[in-house]
Amino acid sequence: MCQFKLGKVGAPIALILSLLFALSCATQTTAPTTAPKTDQPQINNVEINNFGFNPLELRIKKGDTVVWVNRDSAGHTITSDSGNELSSPTISQKQEYRHTFTQSGTFNYHCIVHPSMKAKVIVE
């Protein structure tokens, strides 16, 4: 609990000090009683820039979402190397593609338009 006692201080200074002290007491925060949950699904970003995916390898948990954002002027896709887990349309500059991973595994992917662009998502 905040308390403030004034000695012999002029009224204007006392008023200012009282207001400042009251404001600092009002903005004090207490620690939460429960720890934040770390098992909540997360959103992870992959940037497409300079004809590459960044990061090249991303480790996430099952249930997490990955958002690919195209920062290039050219269009790109996010396409699974095998299977059909990832299958985006061609996304233009400033567009994005989202996918939520519901299964564990390693998901290698590439851009159909630029096959040298490769990366992977590892879902634990």
N, C-alpha and C. Protein backbone atom coordinates (compact mmCIF):
# COMPACT_ATOMS: atom_id res chain seq x y z
N MET A 1 0.85 -1.17 0.00
CA MET A 1 0.00 0.00 0.00
C MET A 1 0.89 1.23 0.00
N CYS A 2 0.54 2.22 -0.79
CA CYS A 2 1.34 3.44 -0.90
C CYS A 2 0.93 4.42 0.19
N GLN A 3 1.94 5.03 0.83
CA GLN A 3 1.69 6.07 1.81
C GLN A 3 2.69 7.19 1.56
N PHE A 4 2.28 8.40 1.87
CA PHE A 4 3.14 9.56 1.66
C PHE A 4 2.88 10.55 2.78
N LYS A 5 3.93 10.98 3.46
CA LYS A 5 3.79 11.96 4.54
C LYS A 5 4.60 13.18 4.19
N LEU A 6 4.01 14.32 4.42
CA LEU A 6 4.68 15.58 4.15
C LEU A 6 5.20 16.18 5.44
N GLY A 7 6.39 16.68 5.37
CA GLY A 7 6.92 17.45 6.49
C GLY A 7 6.54 18.90 6.26
N LYS A 8 7.42 19.80 6.59
CA LYS A 8 7.15 21.22 6.40
C LYS A 8 7.59 21.60 4.98
N VAL A 9 6.64 21.51 4.04
CA VAL A 9 6.90 21.85 2.64
C VAL A 9 5.82 22.81 2.21
N GLY A 10 6.16 23.74 1.37
CA GLY A 10 5.18 24.70 0.90
C GLY A 10 4.00 24.02 0.23
N ALA A 11 2.82 24.63 0.29
CA ALA A 11 1.59 24.06 -0.25
C ALA A 11 1.69 23.71 -1.73
N PRO A 12 2.21 24.58 -2.60
CA PRO A 12 2.28 24.21 -4.03
C PRO A 12 3.18 23.00 -4.27
N ILE A 13 4.31 22.96 -3.59
CA ILE A 13 5.22 21.82 -3.76
C ILE A 13 4.59 20.56 -3.19
N ALA A 14 3.92 20.68 -2.07
CA ALA A 14 3.26 19.54 -1.45
C ALA A 14 2.18 18.98 -2.37
N LEU A 15 1.44 19.84 -3.01
CA LEU A 15 0.39 19.41 -3.92
C LEU A 15 0.99 18.65 -5.11
N ILE A 16 2.03 19.20 -5.69
CA ILE A 16 2.69 18.55 -6.83
C ILE A 16 3.25 17.20 -6.42
N LEU A 17 3.93 17.14 -5.29
CA LEU A 17 4.50 15.88 -4.83
C LEU A 17 3.41 14.85 -4.54
N SER A 18 2.31 15.29 -3.95
CA SER A 18 1.20 14.38 -3.65
C SER A 18 0.61 13.80 -4.93
N LEU A 19 0.43 14.66 -5.95
CA LEU A 19 -0.11 14.18 -7.22
C LEU A 19 0.83 13.20 -7.90
N LEU A 20 2.12 13.51 -7.91
CA LEU A 20 3.10 12.60 -8.52
C LEU A 20 3.14 11.27 -7.79
N PHE A 21 3.10 11.32 -6.46
CA PHE A 21 3.12 10.08 -5.68
C PHE A 21 1.86 9.26 -5.91
N ALA A 22 0.71 9.92 -5.96
CA ALA A 22 -0.56 9.21 -6.20
C ALA A 22 -0.54 8.56 -7.59
N LEU A 23 0.00 9.28 -8.57
CA LEU A 23 0.08 8.73 -9.91
C LEU A 23 0.98 7.51 -9.96
N SER A 24 2.11 7.56 -9.27
CA SER A 24 3.02 6.41 -9.27
C SER A 24 2.39 5.22 -8.55
N CYS A 25 1.60 5.45 -7.53
CA CYS A 25 0.91 4.35 -6.83
C CYS A 25 -0.17 3.75 -7.72
N ALA A 26 -0.85 4.59 -8.48
CA ALA A 26 -1.93 4.12 -9.33
C ALA A 26 -1.42 3.29 -10.49
N THR A 27 -0.18 3.53 -10.92
CA THR A 27 0.33 2.79 -12.07
C THR A 27 1.14 1.57 -11.67
N GLN A 28 1.27 1.30 -10.38
CA GLN A 28 1.99 0.10 -9.97
C GLN A 28 1.21 -1.13 -10.40
N THR A 29 1.93 -2.14 -10.87
CA THR A 29 1.29 -3.38 -11.29
C THR A 29 1.78 -4.52 -10.41
N THR A 30 0.96 -5.52 -10.33
CA THR A 30 1.35 -6.70 -9.58
C THR A 30 1.56 -7.85 -10.55
N ALA A 31 2.37 -8.78 -10.15
CA ALA A 31 2.65 -9.93 -11.00
C ALA A 31 1.40 -10.80 -11.11
N PRO A 32 1.18 -11.41 -12.27
CA PRO A 32 0.02 -12.29 -12.40
C PRO A 32 0.15 -13.48 -11.46
N THR A 33 -0.99 -13.99 -11.03
CA THR A 33 -0.96 -15.11 -10.09
C THR A 33 -0.75 -16.44 -10.80
N THR A 34 -0.99 -16.46 -12.11
CA THR A 34 -0.74 -17.68 -12.86
C THR A 34 0.23 -17.37 -13.99
N ALA A 35 1.08 -18.31 -14.30
CA ALA A 35 2.04 -18.13 -15.38
C ALA A 35 1.31 -18.18 -16.71
N PRO A 36 1.77 -17.41 -17.68
CA PRO A 36 1.12 -17.46 -18.99
C PRO A 36 1.28 -18.85 -19.61
N LYS A 37 0.26 -19.28 -20.33
CA LYS A 37 0.30 -20.59 -20.96
C LYS A 37 1.22 -20.55 -22.17
N THR A 38 2.14 -21.49 -22.21
CA THR A 38 3.05 -21.56 -23.35
C THR A 38 2.59 -22.59 -24.36
N ASP A 39 1.52 -23.32 -24.03
CA ASP A 39 1.04 -24.35 -24.95
C ASP A 39 -0.03 -23.81 -25.90
N GLN A 40 -0.26 -22.51 -25.89
CA GLN A 40 -1.22 -21.91 -26.80
C GLN A 40 -0.63 -21.90 -28.21
N PRO A 41 -1.46 -22.10 -29.22
CA PRO A 41 -0.95 -22.05 -30.60
C PRO A 41 -0.31 -20.69 -30.89
N GLN A 42 0.78 -20.74 -31.63
CA GLN A 42 1.53 -19.54 -31.97
C GLN A 42 1.41 -19.23 -33.45
N ILE A 43 1.63 -17.98 -33.81
CA ILE A 43 1.70 -17.57 -35.22
C ILE A 43 3.17 -17.27 -35.51
N ASN A 44 3.70 -17.90 -36.54
CA ASN A 44 5.10 -17.75 -36.92
C ASN A 44 5.16 -17.16 -38.32
N ASN A 45 6.09 -16.26 -38.54
CA ASN A 45 6.19 -15.58 -39.83
C ASN A 45 7.38 -16.07 -40.63
N VAL A 46 7.17 -16.21 -41.94
CA VAL A 46 8.24 -16.47 -42.89
C VAL A 46 8.15 -15.36 -43.93
N GLU A 47 9.25 -14.67 -44.13
CA GLU A 47 9.27 -13.62 -45.15
C GLU A 47 9.85 -14.17 -46.44
N ILE A 48 9.24 -13.78 -47.54
CA ILE A 48 9.76 -14.11 -48.86
C ILE A 48 10.39 -12.83 -49.37
N ASN A 49 11.72 -12.86 -49.52
CA ASN A 49 12.45 -11.66 -49.90
C ASN A 49 13.71 -12.06 -50.65
N ASN A 50 14.05 -11.30 -51.68
CA ASN A 50 15.24 -11.59 -52.48
C ASN A 50 15.25 -13.02 -53.00
N PHE A 51 14.09 -13.48 -53.42
CA PHE A 51 13.91 -14.82 -53.99
C PHE A 51 14.39 -15.91 -53.02
N GLY A 52 14.00 -15.76 -51.75
CA GLY A 52 14.31 -16.76 -50.75
C GLY A 52 13.31 -16.69 -49.61
N PHE A 53 13.23 -17.81 -48.86
CA PHE A 53 12.39 -17.89 -47.67
C PHE A 53 13.25 -17.60 -46.45
N ASN A 54 12.74 -16.82 -45.52
CA ASN A 54 13.49 -16.51 -44.32
C ASN A 54 12.57 -16.62 -43.11
N PRO A 55 12.82 -17.60 -42.24
CA PRO A 55 13.98 -18.48 -42.18
C PRO A 55 13.85 -19.67 -43.14
N LEU A 56 15.00 -20.27 -43.42
CA LEU A 56 15.02 -21.46 -44.28
C LEU A 56 14.47 -22.68 -43.55
N GLU A 57 14.64 -22.71 -42.25
CA GLU A 57 14.12 -23.81 -41.41
C GLU A 57 13.40 -23.20 -40.23
N LEU A 58 12.18 -23.66 -40.01
CA LEU A 58 11.35 -23.14 -38.92
C LEU A 58 10.85 -24.31 -38.09
N ARG A 59 11.08 -24.26 -36.77
CA ARG A 59 10.59 -25.29 -35.85
C ARG A 59 9.39 -24.73 -35.10
N ILE A 60 8.29 -25.49 -35.15
CA ILE A 60 7.06 -25.05 -34.50
C ILE A 60 6.44 -26.23 -33.77
N LYS A 61 5.37 -25.96 -33.06
CA LYS A 61 4.60 -27.01 -32.38
C LYS A 61 3.34 -27.33 -33.20
N LYS A 62 2.85 -28.54 -33.03
CA LYS A 62 1.61 -28.94 -33.68
C LYS A 62 0.49 -27.99 -33.25
N GLY A 63 -0.28 -27.48 -34.21
CA GLY A 63 -1.34 -26.53 -33.93
C GLY A 63 -0.94 -25.09 -34.21
N ASP A 64 0.36 -24.85 -34.41
CA ASP A 64 0.83 -23.49 -34.73
C ASP A 64 0.50 -23.15 -36.18
N THR A 65 0.45 -21.86 -36.44
CA THR A 65 0.19 -21.34 -37.78
C THR A 65 1.45 -20.66 -38.31
N VAL A 66 1.70 -20.85 -39.60
CA VAL A 66 2.79 -20.15 -40.27
C VAL A 66 2.16 -19.20 -41.28
N VAL A 67 2.67 -17.97 -41.30
CA VAL A 67 2.21 -16.96 -42.24
C VAL A 67 3.41 -16.58 -43.12
N TRP A 68 3.28 -16.84 -44.42
CA TRP A 68 4.29 -16.43 -45.38
C TRP A 68 3.86 -15.09 -45.96
N VAL A 69 4.75 -14.10 -45.96
CA VAL A 69 4.45 -12.78 -46.51
C VAL A 69 5.44 -12.51 -47.65
N ASN A 70 4.90 -12.18 -48.82
CA ASN A 70 5.74 -11.93 -49.97
C ASN A 70 6.21 -10.47 -49.97
N ARG A 71 7.51 -10.26 -49.81
CA ARG A 71 8.11 -8.92 -49.85
C ARG A 71 8.79 -8.66 -51.20
N ASP A 72 8.78 -9.66 -52.10
CA ASP A 72 9.37 -9.52 -53.44
C ASP A 72 8.38 -8.89 -54.40
N SER A 73 8.89 -8.34 -55.48
CA SER A 73 8.00 -7.81 -56.51
C SER A 73 7.45 -8.94 -57.40
N ALA A 74 8.11 -10.08 -57.40
CA ALA A 74 7.67 -11.24 -58.18
C ALA A 74 6.69 -12.09 -57.37
N GLY A 75 5.82 -12.82 -58.06
CA GLY A 75 4.91 -13.74 -57.40
C GLY A 75 5.61 -15.03 -57.00
N HIS A 76 5.14 -15.65 -55.91
CA HIS A 76 5.73 -16.89 -55.41
C HIS A 76 4.63 -17.82 -54.92
N THR A 77 4.97 -19.12 -54.81
CA THR A 77 4.07 -20.09 -54.20
C THR A 77 4.75 -20.74 -53.01
N ILE A 78 3.95 -21.36 -52.17
CA ILE A 78 4.43 -22.21 -51.09
C ILE A 78 3.84 -23.58 -51.39
N THR A 79 4.68 -24.51 -51.84
CA THR A 79 4.21 -25.79 -52.35
C THR A 79 5.02 -26.93 -51.74
N SER A 80 4.34 -27.93 -51.21
CA SER A 80 5.02 -29.10 -50.62
C SER A 80 5.87 -29.80 -51.66
N ASP A 81 7.06 -30.27 -51.22
CA ASP A 81 7.91 -31.07 -52.10
C ASP A 81 7.26 -32.41 -52.40
N SER A 82 6.58 -32.96 -51.40
CA SER A 82 5.84 -34.21 -51.58
C SER A 82 4.53 -34.08 -50.81
N GLY A 83 3.49 -34.70 -51.30
CA GLY A 83 2.18 -34.57 -50.66
C GLY A 83 1.54 -33.24 -51.02
N ASN A 84 0.50 -32.90 -50.27
CA ASN A 84 -0.22 -31.66 -50.58
C ASN A 84 -0.51 -30.82 -49.33
N GLU A 85 0.31 -30.98 -48.31
CA GLU A 85 0.12 -30.21 -47.07
C GLU A 85 0.13 -28.70 -47.37
N LEU A 86 1.12 -28.27 -48.17
CA LEU A 86 1.24 -26.86 -48.52
C LEU A 86 0.96 -26.69 -50.00
N SER A 87 0.00 -25.83 -50.32
CA SER A 87 -0.38 -25.64 -51.72
C SER A 87 -1.03 -24.27 -51.88
N SER A 88 -0.20 -23.24 -51.93
CA SER A 88 -0.74 -21.89 -52.05
C SER A 88 -0.94 -21.53 -53.51
N PRO A 89 -1.81 -20.56 -53.76
CA PRO A 89 -1.83 -19.97 -55.09
C PRO A 89 -0.58 -19.08 -55.22
N THR A 90 -0.35 -18.52 -56.38
CA THR A 90 0.74 -17.55 -56.51
C THR A 90 0.35 -16.30 -55.74
N ILE A 91 1.21 -15.92 -54.79
CA ILE A 91 0.92 -14.73 -54.00
C ILE A 91 1.80 -13.58 -54.48
N SER A 92 1.20 -12.44 -54.67
CA SER A 92 1.89 -11.24 -55.15
C SER A 92 2.52 -10.50 -53.99
N GLN A 93 3.24 -9.43 -54.32
CA GLN A 93 3.89 -8.59 -53.32
C GLN A 93 2.87 -8.11 -52.28
N LYS A 94 3.26 -8.20 -51.02
CA LYS A 94 2.48 -7.79 -49.84
C LYS A 94 1.30 -8.72 -49.54
N GLN A 95 1.14 -9.78 -50.31
CA GLN A 95 0.10 -10.76 -49.98
C GLN A 95 0.70 -11.81 -49.07
N GLU A 96 -0.19 -12.58 -48.45
CA GLU A 96 0.27 -13.62 -47.54
C GLU A 96 -0.50 -14.91 -47.74
N TYR A 97 0.11 -15.98 -47.25
CA TYR A 97 -0.51 -17.31 -47.24
C TYR A 97 -0.35 -17.85 -45.84
N ARG A 98 -1.44 -18.40 -45.28
CA ARG A 98 -1.43 -18.94 -43.91
C ARG A 98 -1.73 -20.43 -43.96
N HIS A 99 -1.06 -21.15 -43.05
CA HIS A 99 -1.36 -22.57 -42.92
C HIS A 99 -1.15 -22.98 -41.46
N THR A 100 -2.12 -23.70 -40.91
CA THR A 100 -2.02 -24.24 -39.56
C THR A 100 -1.64 -25.71 -39.68
N PHE A 101 -0.56 -26.09 -39.00
CA PHE A 101 -0.04 -27.45 -39.06
C PHE A 101 -0.70 -28.30 -37.97
N THR A 102 -1.40 -29.34 -38.38
CA THR A 102 -2.13 -30.20 -37.45
C THR A 102 -1.44 -31.54 -37.23
N GLN A 103 -0.36 -31.81 -37.96
CA GLN A 103 0.37 -33.06 -37.81
C GLN A 103 1.85 -32.78 -37.61
N SER A 104 2.50 -33.65 -36.85
CA SER A 104 3.95 -33.54 -36.66
C SER A 104 4.67 -34.04 -37.90
N GLY A 105 5.89 -33.57 -38.08
CA GLY A 105 6.70 -34.04 -39.19
C GLY A 105 7.55 -32.92 -39.76
N THR A 106 8.29 -33.26 -40.80
CA THR A 106 9.10 -32.29 -41.52
C THR A 106 8.44 -32.02 -42.85
N PHE A 107 8.18 -30.76 -43.14
CA PHE A 107 7.48 -30.37 -44.35
C PHE A 107 8.41 -29.50 -45.20
N ASN A 108 9.01 -30.13 -46.20
CA ASN A 108 9.86 -29.42 -47.14
C ASN A 108 8.97 -28.77 -48.19
N TYR A 109 9.32 -27.55 -48.57
CA TYR A 109 8.50 -26.86 -49.57
C TYR A 109 9.38 -26.01 -50.48
N HIS A 110 8.79 -25.56 -51.56
CA HIS A 110 9.48 -24.76 -52.56
C HIS A 110 8.50 -23.81 -53.24
N CYS A 111 9.02 -22.98 -54.13
CA CYS A 111 8.20 -22.10 -54.96
C CYS A 111 8.14 -22.73 -56.35
N ILE A 112 6.94 -22.97 -56.87
CA ILE A 112 6.81 -23.56 -58.21
C ILE A 112 7.39 -22.63 -59.27
N VAL A 113 7.19 -21.33 -59.10
CA VAL A 113 7.66 -20.36 -60.09
C VAL A 113 9.19 -20.28 -60.10
N HIS A 114 9.81 -20.43 -58.92
CA HIS A 114 11.27 -20.34 -58.77
C HIS A 114 11.73 -21.57 -57.97
N PRO A 115 11.93 -22.72 -58.64
CA PRO A 115 12.22 -23.98 -57.94
C PRO A 115 13.47 -23.97 -57.07
N SER A 116 14.36 -23.01 -57.27
CA SER A 116 15.56 -22.97 -56.41
C SER A 116 15.23 -22.45 -55.02
N MET A 117 14.05 -21.87 -54.85
CA MET A 117 13.63 -21.38 -53.53
C MET A 117 13.10 -22.56 -52.74
N LYS A 118 13.82 -22.95 -51.68
CA LYS A 118 13.44 -24.10 -50.86
C LYS A 118 13.59 -23.78 -49.39
N ALA A 119 12.74 -24.41 -48.58
CA ALA A 119 12.81 -24.26 -47.13
C ALA A 119 12.04 -25.41 -46.49
N LYS A 120 11.96 -25.41 -45.16
CA LYS A 120 11.18 -26.46 -44.48
C LYS A 120 10.64 -25.98 -43.15
N VAL A 121 9.54 -26.61 -42.78
CA VAL A 121 8.92 -26.41 -41.47
C VAL A 121 8.99 -27.74 -40.73
N ILE A 122 9.50 -27.72 -39.52
CA ILE A 122 9.58 -28.92 -38.69
C ILE A 122 8.53 -28.75 -37.58
N VAL A 123 7.57 -29.65 -37.55
CA VAL A 123 6.48 -29.57 -36.59
C VAL A 123 6.72 -30.65 -35.52
N GLU A 124 6.87 -30.21 -34.29
CA GLU A 124 7.15 -31.14 -33.18
C GLU A 124 5.89 -31.51 -32.44
